[in-house]
Amino acid sequence: MGINGITEPIYFLITAIGFIIVSFINYRKNGKTLETKYLSGLAVFFIVCFIILNFY
């Protein structure tokens, strides 16, 4: 394992799951705020990146 310029798609999935968990916790604590929408948007972005890297 080394840094050779290849980004593994699983990192995007792990990051997306992390953003989903954080946005869910933030939603339960504060309700629907701008921060919750931002975190959810980042989760969707990373899932789309995962799908693109995995299947295209």
N, C-alpha and C. Protein backbone atom coordinates (compact mmCIF):
# COMPACT_ATOMS: atom_id res chain seq x y z
N MET A 1 0.85 -1.18 0.00
CA MET A 1 0.00 0.00 0.00
C MET A 1 0.89 1.23 0.00
N GLY A 2 0.66 2.09 -0.94
CA GLY A 2 1.44 3.32 -1.03
C GLY A 2 0.65 4.39 -1.76
N ILE A 3 1.23 5.54 -1.83
CA ILE A 3 0.60 6.64 -2.54
C ILE A 3 1.15 6.65 -3.95
N ASN A 4 0.35 6.17 -4.90
CA ASN A 4 0.81 6.08 -6.28
C ASN A 4 -0.12 6.80 -7.24
N GLY A 5 -0.97 7.68 -6.76
CA GLY A 5 -1.84 8.45 -7.63
C GLY A 5 -3.18 7.83 -7.92
N ILE A 6 -3.45 6.66 -7.38
CA ILE A 6 -4.73 5.98 -7.61
C ILE A 6 -5.62 6.19 -6.40
N THR A 7 -6.80 6.74 -6.64
CA THR A 7 -7.76 6.94 -5.57
C THR A 7 -8.75 5.78 -5.58
N GLU A 8 -8.80 5.05 -4.51
CA GLU A 8 -9.71 3.92 -4.43
C GLU A 8 -11.14 4.42 -4.23
N PRO A 9 -12.12 3.85 -4.94
CA PRO A 9 -13.51 4.29 -4.81
C PRO A 9 -14.09 4.06 -3.42
N ILE A 10 -13.57 3.10 -2.68
CA ILE A 10 -14.13 2.79 -1.36
C ILE A 10 -13.95 3.96 -0.41
N TYR A 11 -12.91 4.78 -0.62
CA TYR A 11 -12.72 5.95 0.23
C TYR A 11 -13.87 6.94 0.09
N PHE A 12 -14.40 7.07 -1.13
CA PHE A 12 -15.54 7.95 -1.35
C PHE A 12 -16.78 7.41 -0.66
N LEU A 13 -16.96 6.08 -0.67
CA LEU A 13 -18.12 5.49 -0.01
C LEU A 13 -18.02 5.65 1.50
N ILE A 14 -16.84 5.43 2.06
CA ILE A 14 -16.65 5.59 3.51
C ILE A 14 -16.90 7.03 3.92
N THR A 15 -16.41 7.98 3.13
CA THR A 15 -16.62 9.40 3.44
C THR A 15 -18.09 9.76 3.33
N ALA A 16 -18.79 9.22 2.33
CA ALA A 16 -20.22 9.50 2.17
C ALA A 16 -21.01 8.96 3.35
N ILE A 17 -20.68 7.77 3.81
CA ILE A 17 -21.37 7.20 4.98
C ILE A 17 -21.11 8.06 6.20
N GLY A 18 -19.89 8.55 6.35
CA GLY A 18 -19.57 9.45 7.46
C GLY A 18 -20.39 10.73 7.41
N PHE A 19 -20.53 11.32 6.22
CA PHE A 19 -21.34 12.53 6.08
C PHE A 19 -22.81 12.25 6.35
N ILE A 20 -23.29 11.07 5.97
CA ILE A 20 -24.68 10.71 6.24
C ILE A 20 -24.92 10.62 7.74
N ILE A 21 -24.00 9.99 8.46
CA ILE A 21 -24.13 9.85 9.91
C ILE A 21 -24.08 11.22 10.59
N VAL A 22 -23.13 12.05 10.19
CA VAL A 22 -23.00 13.38 10.80
C VAL A 22 -24.21 14.25 10.48
N SER A 23 -24.72 14.18 9.25
CA SER A 23 -25.88 14.99 8.92
C SER A 23 -27.12 14.50 9.66
N PHE A 24 -27.25 13.20 9.88
CA PHE A 24 -28.37 12.67 10.65
C PHE A 24 -28.31 13.14 12.10
N ILE A 25 -27.12 13.08 12.70
CA ILE A 25 -26.96 13.56 14.08
C ILE A 25 -27.26 15.05 14.16
N ASN A 26 -26.77 15.81 13.19
CA ASN A 26 -27.01 17.25 13.17
C ASN A 26 -28.50 17.56 12.97
N TYR A 27 -29.18 16.77 12.14
CA TYR A 27 -30.60 16.97 11.91
C TYR A 27 -31.41 16.71 13.18
N ARG A 28 -31.04 15.66 13.89
CA ARG A 28 -31.77 15.35 15.14
C ARG A 28 -31.51 16.39 16.22
N LYS A 29 -30.33 16.97 16.22
CA LYS A 29 -29.97 17.94 17.24
C LYS A 29 -30.51 19.33 16.93
N ASN A 30 -30.38 19.79 15.67
CA ASN A 30 -30.71 21.17 15.32
C ASN A 30 -31.87 21.32 14.37
N GLY A 31 -32.37 20.25 13.81
CA GLY A 31 -33.43 20.37 12.81
C GLY A 31 -32.84 20.64 11.44
N LYS A 32 -33.68 21.10 10.53
CA LYS A 32 -33.25 21.33 9.16
C LYS A 32 -32.59 22.70 9.05
N THR A 33 -31.28 22.73 9.16
CA THR A 33 -30.52 23.96 9.06
C THR A 33 -29.70 23.94 7.77
N LEU A 34 -29.03 25.04 7.50
CA LEU A 34 -28.17 25.13 6.32
C LEU A 34 -27.02 24.12 6.42
N GLU A 35 -26.51 23.93 7.62
CA GLU A 35 -25.42 22.97 7.81
C GLU A 35 -25.87 21.54 7.50
N THR A 36 -27.10 21.19 7.89
CA THR A 36 -27.62 19.86 7.61
C THR A 36 -27.76 19.66 6.11
N LYS A 37 -28.26 20.67 5.41
CA LYS A 37 -28.40 20.58 3.95
C LYS A 37 -27.04 20.46 3.28
N TYR A 38 -26.05 21.20 3.79
CA TYR A 38 -24.70 21.14 3.25
C TYR A 38 -24.09 19.75 3.43
N LEU A 39 -24.22 19.19 4.62
CA LEU A 39 -23.67 17.86 4.89
C LEU A 39 -24.37 16.80 4.05
N SER A 40 -25.68 16.93 3.88
CA SER A 40 -26.41 15.99 3.03
C SER A 40 -25.98 16.11 1.58
N GLY A 41 -25.77 17.34 1.13
CA GLY A 41 -25.28 17.55 -0.23
C GLY A 41 -23.91 16.94 -0.45
N LEU A 42 -23.03 17.07 0.54
CA LEU A 42 -21.71 16.45 0.43
C LEU A 42 -21.82 14.93 0.37
N ALA A 43 -22.73 14.37 1.16
CA ALA A 43 -22.93 12.92 1.13
C ALA A 43 -23.38 12.46 -0.25
N VAL A 44 -24.33 13.18 -0.84
CA VAL A 44 -24.81 12.83 -2.18
C VAL A 44 -23.68 12.98 -3.20
N PHE A 45 -22.90 14.05 -3.09
CA PHE A 45 -21.77 14.26 -4.00
C PHE A 45 -20.78 13.10 -3.93
N PHE A 46 -20.43 12.66 -2.72
CA PHE A 46 -19.46 11.58 -2.59
C PHE A 46 -20.03 10.24 -3.05
N ILE A 47 -21.34 10.03 -2.90
CA ILE A 47 -21.95 8.80 -3.42
C ILE A 47 -21.91 8.81 -4.95
N VAL A 48 -22.20 9.95 -5.55
CA VAL A 48 -22.13 10.07 -7.01
C VAL A 48 -20.70 9.83 -7.49
N CYS A 49 -19.73 10.39 -6.78
CA CYS A 49 -18.32 10.15 -7.14
C CYS A 49 -17.96 8.68 -7.03
N PHE A 50 -18.45 8.01 -6.01
CA PHE A 50 -18.20 6.58 -5.83
C PHE A 50 -18.78 5.80 -7.00
N ILE A 51 -20.01 6.13 -7.39
CA ILE A 51 -20.66 5.41 -8.50
C ILE A 51 -19.91 5.65 -9.80
N ILE A 52 -19.50 6.89 -10.04
CA ILE A 52 -18.78 7.20 -11.27
C ILE A 52 -17.44 6.47 -11.32
N LEU A 53 -16.70 6.48 -10.21
CA LEU A 53 -15.40 5.82 -10.21
C LEU A 53 -15.52 4.29 -10.30
N ASN A 54 -16.61 3.76 -9.76
CA ASN A 54 -16.76 2.31 -9.73
C ASN A 54 -17.29 1.74 -11.03
N PHE A 55 -18.20 2.44 -11.68
CA PHE A 55 -18.92 1.83 -12.79
C PHE A 55 -18.67 2.48 -14.14
N TYR A 56 -17.87 3.52 -14.23
CA TYR A 56 -17.62 4.16 -15.52
C TYR A 56 -16.15 4.17 -15.85
